Structure formats: C-alpha cells, structure tokens
C-alpha atoms as a PDB file:
ATOM      1  CA  MET A   1     -75.923   1.874-181.968  1.00  0.00           C
ATOM      2  CA  SER A   2     -77.062   5.280-180.825  1.00  0.00           C
ATOM      3  CA  PRO A   3     -80.636   6.186-181.867  1.00  0.00           C
ATOM      4  CA  PRO A   4     -80.173   8.704-184.677  1.00  0.00           C
ATOM      5  CA  PHE A   5     -77.393   6.694-186.320  1.00  0.00           C
ATOM      6  CA  GLY A   6     -79.265   3.418-185.876  1.00  0.00           C
ATOM      7  CA  ALA A   7     -82.269   4.795-187.698  1.00  0.00           C
ATOM      8  CA  LEU A   8     -80.081   6.190-190.467  1.00  0.00           C
ATOM      9  CA  PHE A   9     -78.262   2.863-190.779  1.00  0.00           C
ATOM     10  CA  PHE A  10     -81.478   0.837-191.050  1.00  0.00           C
ATOM     11  CA  LEU A  11     -82.982   3.314-193.501  1.00  0.00           C
ATOM     12  CA  ALA A  12     -79.924   3.238-195.781  1.00  0.00           C
ATOM     13  CA  ALA A  13     -79.315  -0.513-195.571  1.00  0.00           C
ATOM     14  CA  GLY A  14     -83.022  -1.218-195.978  1.00  0.00           C
ATOM     15  CA  ALA A  15     -83.225   1.027-199.042  1.00  0.00           C
ATOM     16  CA  TRP A  16     -80.344  -0.828-200.658  1.00  0.00           C
ATOM     17  CA  VAL A  17     -81.792  -4.262-199.880  1.00  0.00           C
ATOM     18  CA  GLY A  18     -85.226  -3.147-201.073  1.00  0.00           C
ATOM     19  CA  ALA A  19     -83.846  -1.775-204.332  1.00  0.00           C
ATOM     20  CA  LEU A  20     -81.867  -4.973-204.956  1.00  0.00           C
ATOM     21  CA  LEU A  21     -84.877  -7.151-204.235  1.00  0.00           C
ATOM     22  CA  HIS A  22     -87.122  -5.032-206.437  1.00  0.00           C
ATOM     23  CA  ALA A  23     -84.629  -5.083-209.334  1.00  0.00           C
ATOM     24  CA  ALA A  24     -83.986  -8.826-209.065  1.00  0.00           C
ATOM     25  CA  LEU A  25     -87.658  -9.735-208.963  1.00  0.00           C
ATOM     26  CA  GLY A  26     -88.537  -7.185-211.631  1.00  0.00           C
ATOM     27  CA  ALA A  27     -85.879  -8.463-214.018  1.00  0.00           C
ATOM     28  CA  THR A  28     -86.988 -12.060-213.534  1.00  0.00           C
ATOM     29  CA  LEU A  29     -90.644 -11.241-214.100  1.00  0.00           C
ATOM     30  CA  LEU A  30     -89.874  -9.076-217.127  1.00  0.00           C
ATOM     31  CA  GLU A  31     -87.789 -11.823-218.726  1.00  0.00           C
ATOM     32  CA  ARG A  32     -90.550 -14.368-218.234  1.00  0.00           C
ATOM     33  CA  ARG A  33     -93.183 -12.025-219.596  1.00  0.00           C
ATOM     34  CA  LEU A  34     -91.411 -10.147-222.403  1.00  0.00           C
ATOM     35  CA  GLY A  35     -88.479 -12.372-223.329  1.00  0.00           C
ATOM     36  CA  ARG A  36     -84.753 -11.810-223.000  1.00  0.00           C
ATOM     37  CA  ALA A  37     -84.281  -8.994-225.484  1.00  0.00           C
ATOM     38  CA  GLN A  38     -87.057  -6.684-224.304  1.00  0.00           C
ATOM     39  CA  ALA A  39     -86.424  -7.440-220.638  1.00  0.00           C
ATOM     40  CA  TRP A  40     -82.753  -6.530-221.065  1.00  0.00           C
ATOM     41  CA  ARG A  41     -83.637  -3.169-222.616  1.00  0.00           C
ATOM     42  CA  ALA A  42     -85.683  -2.297-219.530  1.00  0.00           C
ATOM     43  CA  SER A  43     -83.216  -3.817-217.053  1.00  0.00           C
ATOM     44  CA  SER A  44     -80.133  -2.241-218.598  1.00  0.00           C
ATOM     45  CA  ALA A  45     -81.459   1.148-217.532  1.00  0.00           C
ATOM     46  CA  THR A  46     -82.553  -0.046-214.088  1.00  0.00           C
ATOM     47  CA  PHE A  47     -79.485  -1.962-212.882  1.00  0.00           C
ATOM     48  CA  PRO A  48     -77.054   0.980-213.053  1.00  0.00           C
ATOM     49  CA  LEU A  49     -79.522   3.081-211.042  1.00  0.00           C
ATOM     50  CA  VAL A  50     -79.794   0.346-208.414  1.00  0.00           C
ATOM     51  CA  ASP A  51     -75.996   0.150-208.258  1.00  0.00           C
ATOM     52  CA  LEU A  52     -75.759   3.923-207.857  1.00  0.00           C
ATOM     53  CA  LEU A  53     -78.396   3.913-205.129  1.00  0.00           C
ATOM     54  CA  GLY A  54     -76.523   1.061-203.469  1.00  0.00           C
ATOM     55  CA  ALA A  55     -73.230   2.915-203.536  1.00  0.00           C
ATOM     56  CA  TRP A  56     -74.743   5.952-201.840  1.00  0.00           C
ATOM     57  CA  ALA A  57     -76.839   3.936-199.408  1.00  0.00           C
ATOM     58  CA  GLY A  58     -73.851   1.760-198.529  1.00  0.00           C
ATOM     59  CA  ALA A  59     -71.690   4.794-197.863  1.00  0.00           C
ATOM     60  CA  ILE A  60     -74.388   6.309-195.652  1.00  0.00           C
ATOM     61  CA  ALA A  61     -74.864   3.008-193.792  1.00  0.00           C
ATOM     62  CA  ALA A  62     -71.100   2.637-193.233  1.00  0.00           C
ATOM     63  CA  VAL A  63     -70.792   6.172-191.885  1.00  0.00           C
ATOM     64  CA  ALA A  64     -73.806   5.608-189.611  1.00  0.00           C
ATOM     65  CA  VAL A  65     -72.266   2.390-188.261  1.00  0.00           C
ATOM     66  CA  VAL A  66     -68.917   4.021-187.588  1.00  0.00           C
ATOM     67  CA  LEU A  67     -70.379   7.130-185.944  1.00  0.00           C
ATOM     68  CA  GLY A  68     -73.093   5.313-184.006  1.00  0.00           C
ATOM     69  CA  ARG A  69     -71.146   2.353-182.662  1.00  0.00           C
ATOM     70  CA  SER A  70     -70.686   1.819-178.974  1.00  0.00           C
ATOM     71  CA  GLY A  71     -67.492  -0.202-179.287  1.00  0.00           C
ATOM     72  CA  PHE A  72     -65.584  -2.515-181.564  1.00  0.00           C
ATOM     73  CA  SER A  73     -67.300  -5.869-181.825  1.00  0.00           C
ATOM     74  CA  LEU A  74     -67.542  -8.765-184.235  1.00  0.00           C
ATOM     75  CA  PRO A  75     -70.905  -7.566-185.652  1.00  0.00           C
ATOM     76  CA  PHE A  76     -69.373  -4.116-186.235  1.00  0.00           C
ATOM     77  CA  ALA A  77     -66.459  -5.606-188.185  1.00  0.00           C
ATOM     78  CA  ALA A  78     -68.735  -7.982-190.088  1.00  0.00           C
ATOM     79  CA  ILE A  79     -71.082  -5.158-191.099  1.00  0.00           C
ATOM     80  CA  LEU A  80     -68.268  -2.964-192.402  1.00  0.00           C
ATOM     81  CA  THR A  81     -66.691  -5.896-194.257  1.00  0.00           C
ATOM     82  CA  MET A  82     -69.957  -6.881-195.901  1.00  0.00           C
ATOM     83  CA  LEU A  83     -70.777  -3.283-196.816  1.00  0.00           C
ATOM     84  CA  ALA A  84     -67.377  -3.013-198.500  1.00  0.00           C
ATOM     85  CA  LEU A  85     -67.970  -6.271-200.397  1.00  0.00           C
ATOM     86  CA  MET A  86     -71.453  -5.163-201.414  1.00  0.00           C
ATOM     87  CA  PHE A  87     -70.025  -1.870-202.649  1.00  0.00           C
ATOM     88  CA  ALA A  88     -67.342  -3.702-204.662  1.00  0.00           C
ATOM     89  CA  LEU A  89     -69.873  -6.085-206.209  1.00  0.00           C
ATOM     90  CA  SER A  90     -72.127  -3.178-207.177  1.00  0.00           C
ATOM     91  CA  LEU A  91     -69.230  -1.367-208.823  1.00  0.00           C
ATOM     92  CA  TYR A  92     -68.234  -4.531-210.679  1.00  0.00           C
ATOM     93  CA  ASP A  93     -71.802  -4.979-211.875  1.00  0.00           C
ATOM     94  CA  ARG A  94     -72.027  -1.382-213.071  1.00  0.00           C
ATOM     95  CA  ALA A  95     -68.575  -1.047-214.591  1.00  0.00           C
ATOM     96  CA  VAL A  96     -68.062  -4.517-216.084  1.00  0.00           C
ATOM     97  CA  LEU A  97     -71.104  -6.750-216.318  1.00  0.00           C
ATOM     98  CA  VAL A  98     -73.733  -4.292-217.544  1.00  0.00           C
ATOM     99  CA  PRO A  99     -71.554  -3.025-220.452  1.00  0.00           C
ATOM    100  CA  TYR A 100     -70.573  -6.588-221.425  1.00  0.00           C
ATOM    101  CA  LEU A 101     -74.196  -7.723-221.322  1.00  0.00           C
ATOM    102  CA  ASP A 102     -75.144  -4.715-223.425  1.00  0.00           C
ATOM    103  CA  ALA A 103     -72.439  -5.551-225.974  1.00  0.00           C
ATOM    104  CA  ALA A 104     -73.540  -9.202-226.108  1.00  0.00           C
ATOM    105  CA  ASP A 105     -77.150  -8.082-226.608  1.00  0.00           C
ATOM    106  CA  LYS A 106     -76.182  -5.791-229.495  1.00  0.00           C
ATOM    107  CA  ARG A 107     -74.163  -8.534-231.162  1.00  0.00           C
ATOM    108  CA  LEU A 108     -77.079 -10.942-230.817  1.00  0.00           C
ATOM    109  CA  GLU A 109     -79.266  -8.467-232.711  1.00  0.00           C
ATOM    110  CA  HIS A 110     -76.877  -8.406-235.662  1.00  0.00           C
ATOM    111  CA  GLY A 111     -76.731 -12.189-235.921  1.00  0.00           C
ATOM    112  CA  ALA A 112     -72.977 -12.608-236.349  1.00  0.00           C
ATOM    113  CA  ASP A 113     -71.768 -15.779-234.595  1.00  0.00           C
ATOM    114  CA  ARG A 114     -75.043 -16.063-232.712  1.00  0.00           C
ATOM    115  CA  GLU A 115     -74.139 -19.227-230.764  1.00  0.00           C
ATOM    116  CA  LYS A 116     -71.027 -17.661-229.253  1.00  0.00           C
ATOM    117  CA  TRP A 117     -72.811 -14.481-228.177  1.00  0.00           C
ATOM    118  CA  GLU A 118     -75.812 -16.423-226.863  1.00  0.00           C
ATOM    119  CA  SER A 119     -73.404 -18.483-224.770  1.00  0.00           C
ATOM    120  CA  ASP A 120     -71.623 -15.336-223.561  1.00  0.00           C
ATOM    121  CA  TRP A 121     -74.957 -13.703-222.752  1.00  0.00           C
ATOM    122  CA  LYS A 122     -76.106 -16.682-220.679  1.00  0.00           C
ATOM    123  CA  PHE A 123     -72.822 -16.844-218.757  1.00  0.00           C
ATOM    124  CA  LEU A 124     -72.746 -13.111-218.041  1.00  0.00           C
ATOM    125  CA  SER A 125     -76.418 -13.076-217.097  1.00  0.00           C
ATOM    126  CA  ARG A 126     -75.948 -15.947-214.636  1.00  0.00           C
ATOM    127  CA  LEU A 127     -72.868 -14.263-213.182  1.00  0.00           C
ATOM    128  CA  ALA A 128     -74.684 -10.937-212.770  1.00  0.00           C
ATOM    129  CA  THR A 129     -77.686 -12.634-211.171  1.00  0.00           C
ATOM    130  CA  LEU A 130     -75.450 -14.596-208.800  1.00  0.00           C
ATOM    131  CA  LEU A 131     -73.555 -11.464-207.769  1.00  0.00           C
ATOM    132  CA  ARG A 132     -76.790  -9.541-207.204  1.00  0.00           C
ATOM    133  CA  LEU A 133     -78.152 -12.385-205.078  1.00  0.00           C
ATOM    134  CA  ALA A 134     -74.904 -12.473-203.089  1.00  0.00           C
ATOM    135  CA  THR A 135     -75.185  -8.732-202.544  1.00  0.00           C
ATOM    136  CA  LEU A 136     -78.805  -9.157-201.484  1.00  0.00           C
ATOM    137  CA  ALA A 137     -77.884 -11.932-199.016  1.00  0.00           C
ATOM    138  CA  MET A 138     -75.096  -9.804-197.545  1.00  0.00           C
ATOM    139  CA  GLY A 139     -77.517  -6.885-197.298  1.00  0.00           C
ATOM    140  CA  ALA A 140     -79.977  -9.015-195.337  1.00  0.00           C
ATOM    141  CA  ALA A 141     -77.126 -10.128-193.062  1.00  0.00           C
ATOM    142  CA  VAL A 142     -76.046  -6.506-192.583  1.00  0.00           C
ATOM    143  CA  VAL A 143     -79.543  -5.492-191.525  1.00  0.00           C
ATOM    144  CA  ALA A 144     -79.792  -8.501-189.175  1.00  0.00           C
ATOM    145  CA  LEU A 145     -76.380  -7.794-187.635  1.00  0.00           C
ATOM    146  CA  GLY A 146     -77.313  -4.135-187.243  1.00  0.00           C
ATOM    147  CA  THR A 147     -79.623  -5.110-184.428  1.00  0.00           C
ATOM    148  CA  ARG A 148     -76.630  -6.462-182.449  1.00  0.00           C
ATOM    149  CA  ILE A 149     -74.574  -3.304-182.391  1.00  0.00           C
END
C-alpha cells in the first residue's frame, strides 16, 4: 500500500479496533462493578457512538485500501470483505440490538413478566457481545492483513 494511504488505513482501522476494545472492556468492567442496570445506562450511550465511529473509520479504511493498493490480491479482497462485514455488524448492533436491549431494560424496571424480559435481556446481551467480539476479531485480522498489501 502506498505510504499516505497505508498510514490512513492503519489509523482508521486502529481507531475502530481501539474503540471496540475500549467499549467491550469498559462494558464488562462496568457490569461487574455497578450491576446490569446501571452499566446498561452508561453503555447504551457509548455503544451507538462506537458504532458510528466504526462506520466512519471503516469507510475511511476501505477507501484507503482501494486507493492505496498496488494490485488485486487475496489480502486486498479479504480486507474489503471483512470491512464490509464489520460495517454490517455495527449497523445491526446500532439499529436492532441496542434498541431491543433498551426496551428489555425498561420492561425489567416495570416488573411485568420479569422472567421473560430477563431471559430476553440475557440472550440479546450475549448476542451483542458475541457480535462485538466478532467485529473486534475481524478488525484485528484487517490490521494484520494490512501489512501484506
């Protein structure tokens, strides 16, 4: 990858991976320290911002890869594919999981059918965590593959 685009790619991809890692660790530590309800109130404001940062950083990284490439190779295709998947997972998290988790949290506060909403909360929380970890793993792979272009 040509020098200015390589630096831009690593800056953008690194920012996204760093934000994901920070949010994942922060949410885990908050939940252990404050409990589910208070940790969710803090995380529900943070996760959409991380997803927004990821969308912009992913777009910048994809443009840098396309403009800075020196040919079409397997790492090039893998990077673009993973960036697209990361983008899709971030949009799904922002548009679907965060609102559903917020709704489950509000229903838990009101106490109606608590077992059902606690079960829904746990499922959605595990799904969101798994998708964020998958995005983080793909981000690490994107940064590693970036050295091969």
